[in-house]
Protein backbone atom coordinates (compact mmCIF):
# COMPACT_ATOMS: atom_id res chain seq x y z
CA MET A 1 -78.24 9.65 147.74
CA THR A 2 -77.59 11.41 151.58
CA LEU A 3 -76.20 15.10 151.37
CA TYR A 4 -75.33 14.95 154.83
CA ILE A 5 -73.47 13.35 157.89
CA SER A 6 -74.07 14.27 161.52
CA THR A 7 -70.95 14.36 163.89
CA SER A 8 -72.27 11.49 165.92
CA GLU A 9 -72.43 9.46 162.94
CA LEU A 10 -68.61 10.85 162.29
CA LEU A 11 -67.43 9.95 165.74
CA LYS A 12 -68.84 6.68 165.19
CA ARG A 13 -67.09 5.50 162.23
CA TYR A 14 -63.80 6.96 162.99
CA GLY A 15 -63.95 5.93 166.71
CA ILE A 16 -62.82 9.56 167.66
CA THR A 17 -64.11 12.15 170.17
CA LYS A 18 -65.70 15.39 169.75
CA GLY A 19 -62.25 17.21 170.20
CA THR A 20 -60.39 14.90 168.25
CA LEU A 21 -62.89 15.92 165.15
CA ILE A 22 -62.49 19.81 166.46
CA SER A 23 -58.96 18.81 166.19
CA TRP A 24 -58.85 17.75 162.48
CA ARG A 25 -61.26 20.68 161.21
CA ASN A 26 -57.82 22.80 162.92
CA LYS A 27 -54.83 20.99 161.63
CA LYS A 28 -55.94 18.42 159.07
CA ASN A 29 -58.39 20.37 156.68
CA PHE A 30 -61.18 18.61 157.79
CA PRO A 31 -64.69 20.05 156.12
CA LYS A 32 -66.53 22.70 158.32
CA PRO A 33 -70.05 21.63 158.94
CA VAL A 34 -72.86 22.50 156.24
CA ILE A 35 -75.21 23.05 158.99
CA LYS A 36 -73.97 24.13 162.33
CA ALA A 37 -75.85 22.38 165.93
CA HIS A 38 -77.98 24.58 167.54
CA GLY A 39 -78.88 23.48 171.36
CA CYS A 40 -79.46 19.59 171.32
CA SER A 41 -78.99 19.15 167.79
CA SER A 42 -76.03 17.69 165.43
CA SER A 43 -74.13 19.81 162.87
CA ARG A 44 -74.08 17.76 160.02
CA TYR A 45 -71.41 17.69 157.12
CA GLY A 46 -71.43 17.32 153.16
CA ILE A 47 -70.98 13.82 152.49
CA LYS A 48 -69.42 14.96 149.08
CA ALA A 49 -66.64 17.30 151.23
CA VAL A 50 -66.11 14.06 153.87
CA ASP A 51 -65.65 11.48 151.32
CA THR A 52 -62.78 13.67 149.31
CA TRP A 53 -61.71 14.14 152.47
CA GLU A 54 -61.32 10.82 153.31
CA ARG A 55 -59.75 9.48 150.48
CA ASP A 56 -56.79 12.38 150.17
CA SER A 57 -56.13 11.95 153.81
CA GLY A 58 -55.71 7.68 153.45
CA LEU A 59 -58.42 7.64 156.42
CA LEU A 60 -59.91 4.65 154.22
CA GLU A 61 -57.61 2.36 153.91
CA SER A 62 -56.46 3.18 157.60
CA LEU A 63 -59.17 2.75 159.03
CA GLU A 64 -60.27 -0.18 157.12
CA ILE A 65 -63.54 1.84 156.36
CA GLN A 66 -66.11 1.50 153.52
CA PRO A 67 -66.53 4.74 151.43
CA LEU A 68 -69.19 7.06 151.87
CA ILE A 69 -69.85 7.39 148.55
CA SER A 70 -69.54 4.63 146.37
CA PRO A 71 -68.02 4.82 142.63
CA ASN A 72 -71.51 4.26 141.21
CA SER A 73 -73.38 6.68 143.31
């Protein structure tokens, strides 16, 4: 099982900008990155924390996206 999801993967998944992701972290309790970006690298977020946030916020239904973690994981 994958442990992390990158900033770029999240932006693509949600169809948002980096600014929106930062706003969600500040205003909508989106998880903070587990590994912060340095230089050209991308921050990494914990899959479990993001999955929980998506479920709790109703994002799975509103964006009609598949869960990051399947019930069988």
